Amino acid sequence: MGTSSSSRRTGGSGSAEASPEGAEGDESLSALPETAESASLTQGYEELVNAIIRPPRMKYEQRALGPQTFAFSGKRFVRRDLELTNSRGHKLVCSWWKFDPEDAPAAQLPCVVYLHGNAASRLAAHELLWHLLPVSISVFALDFSGSGLSGGEHVSLGYYEREDVAAVVQYLRSSGEVSTVGLWGHSMGAVTALLFGDRDPSIAGMVVDSAFADLMQLINELGQGLREQGLRVPGFAISMAVSLIRRSVRRRANFDPKDVAPIANGSRSFIPALFAHAERDAFIKPGHSQQLHEAYAGDKNLVLFDGDHNSPRPDFLFDSAVIFLRQTLGVKEEHCLSRTDTLNFNRDVFRSASLAVRQSEDAMMRQALMLSVASAGQNNSGVEVTPQALREGVDAFREVTGMGGDAAHYYIETSLSLGGTAESAIQRYFECGCSQPPAGWRPRVALPP
C-alpha cells in the first residue's frame, strides 16, 4: 500500500454513502405499478440522463484558444493545434502549449494532459498554463469525443474517454519531446484519469479534482436529492427510476453505468495521486473523493478546499499541485523560471475562456436540476395548489428575493404542488442560481390579483 495524507483549509466536509443499484432486468420495469409521482420522477431522471451523457456541447471559435505565440521572462512559448483519432475512429481536436523549440531548456520535458468535465472543452486547460509552464511542464489538452469540436455523439463519464487518453499518451510518447507524462482531470476528466491509471502504470502522477467514486452511487444520490427537495415518492420509485436510467444509458450511449466505478480500480492503481474536492460541492459530494482516497493503493494525498463543483480553484491548491507534479514528473530545478519572472505573465489573456467553461458547466447542472423539478411539478397531481395559497406564496417570495412575475409563480407553484412551502421555493431559487423558469413552462394555477 502507498503512503497517505490529507489536508483541509476550511470547515466540515460532506459525505456520501453507497446506495442500492436498483433492480436487475430492465425489461421487467414495465410491469411495475405507475403512479403520478413515479412517472414524474422518471421524467425528471430522463432529463438528468441527457445532462450526463449528452450535455450541451460547448461550441467555441479557434480564437478562444488564445495567442499561438506568447512570451514572458524572455522565453517564447507556442501553442500547437493538432488532430488525433481515437480507437473508435472519432476525431479528437487537441492543443499543446510548450516552449518554443529554440528556447526549450531541454529536448525532452515533462507534460501534463488536462482532462475536462462533461460540459467543458480544452479551453478549461487555460488556468493551468500560468502554473505549469514556468516550471517547464508543457500542457496538452483535448476535447473528449462527444465534447467541444471533437467528433462523437455522447460522453460516457470516463468509460470511453480513457481510450481518448490512450491515443494522446501514445502520441506524446512517440513525439520525442516528452520525458514524463502526468494527468490532471476535473469531474468527468478526473474519473477518466482514474479509469486509465491502472492500465498505464508509467504515468508519473495525476491530479484528481472532484471525481465521483461510482456512477450508480452518484445517480442514486441525485434521486435522493429530489426527495430531499420535497418530491414525495416511495423508495421503490427511486430504485425503478435508477434502473430506467441504467437501461437508457446502455441504449443511447452503449455503456453500462455500473462499469463506471473508479473506486473499483483503486486497489490496482499505484500512480501517485493528489485528490482534491470542494467542500460545498452539491453535485458530486466531497465524500466521493474521501472514499476514493481511502481505497487508493498508491501514494496519495487529499486536499479539501472551500468552493463548489465549478468555482475557481484557490491558488493554494494550484501551489500544492505544482509541488506534487514537480516531484512526481522529475522536473529539474535548473529548467524552471524564477517565481518573480512569472508575475509578468498576462493571465487575463486566457482567463476569459476558463470563466466561460465554468459558466457553461454551471448552466448545464442548474438546467438539469430545474428540468427535473419542473417535470415533477408539472405532472404531480397529489397536492392541489389553491389560488389563495399561490398568492400568499408569491408575495412571500417577492418580499425575500425582490423577484416577482413568472419566476415567483414558477418556484412557488412547483414547491406547493410537491407539498413544499414558500421557504423551500426560495431556497430552490437561490440553489438554481436565481434562474428563470425553464423554456416552455406554463402555469397550472392562475395567480389572483
Foldseek 3Di string as FASTA:
>chain_A
DAAEAEAEDDDDFDAFDFDDLFDPDLVCLVVDDDDLLLVLLLQLLVLVLCLQKPNPADEDDPCLLFDQWDDFPPWIKGKDWDWDAFPVRKIKTKIKIATDVVRAPDQAFAEEEEFEADRFFQLLCLVCCLLAHQLRYIYMYIGFDCHYPIHHPIDDLQPCSLRVVVRVVVVVVVPSHHDAYEYEYAESSLLNCLVNQLVDVRHLEYERELYAQAQSSLLLVVSVVLVVLQFDDDPNSSSSSSSVSQVVCCVPVVDGSRVSGSLVCQQSGAHEYEYEYERAAPRRTPNRSVSSSVSHDYHYYYYYYHDYRLDDDDVVVSVVVSVVCCVRSVRDPVSGHDPVRSVPDDSVSSVVSSVVRSVSSLLSVLVSVLSSLQSSQVSQPPADDDLVQLQVLQVVLCVVPVDHDQQSSRLQSSQVSSVHHSVSSNVSCVVSVVDGHDPPDDHPDDHDD
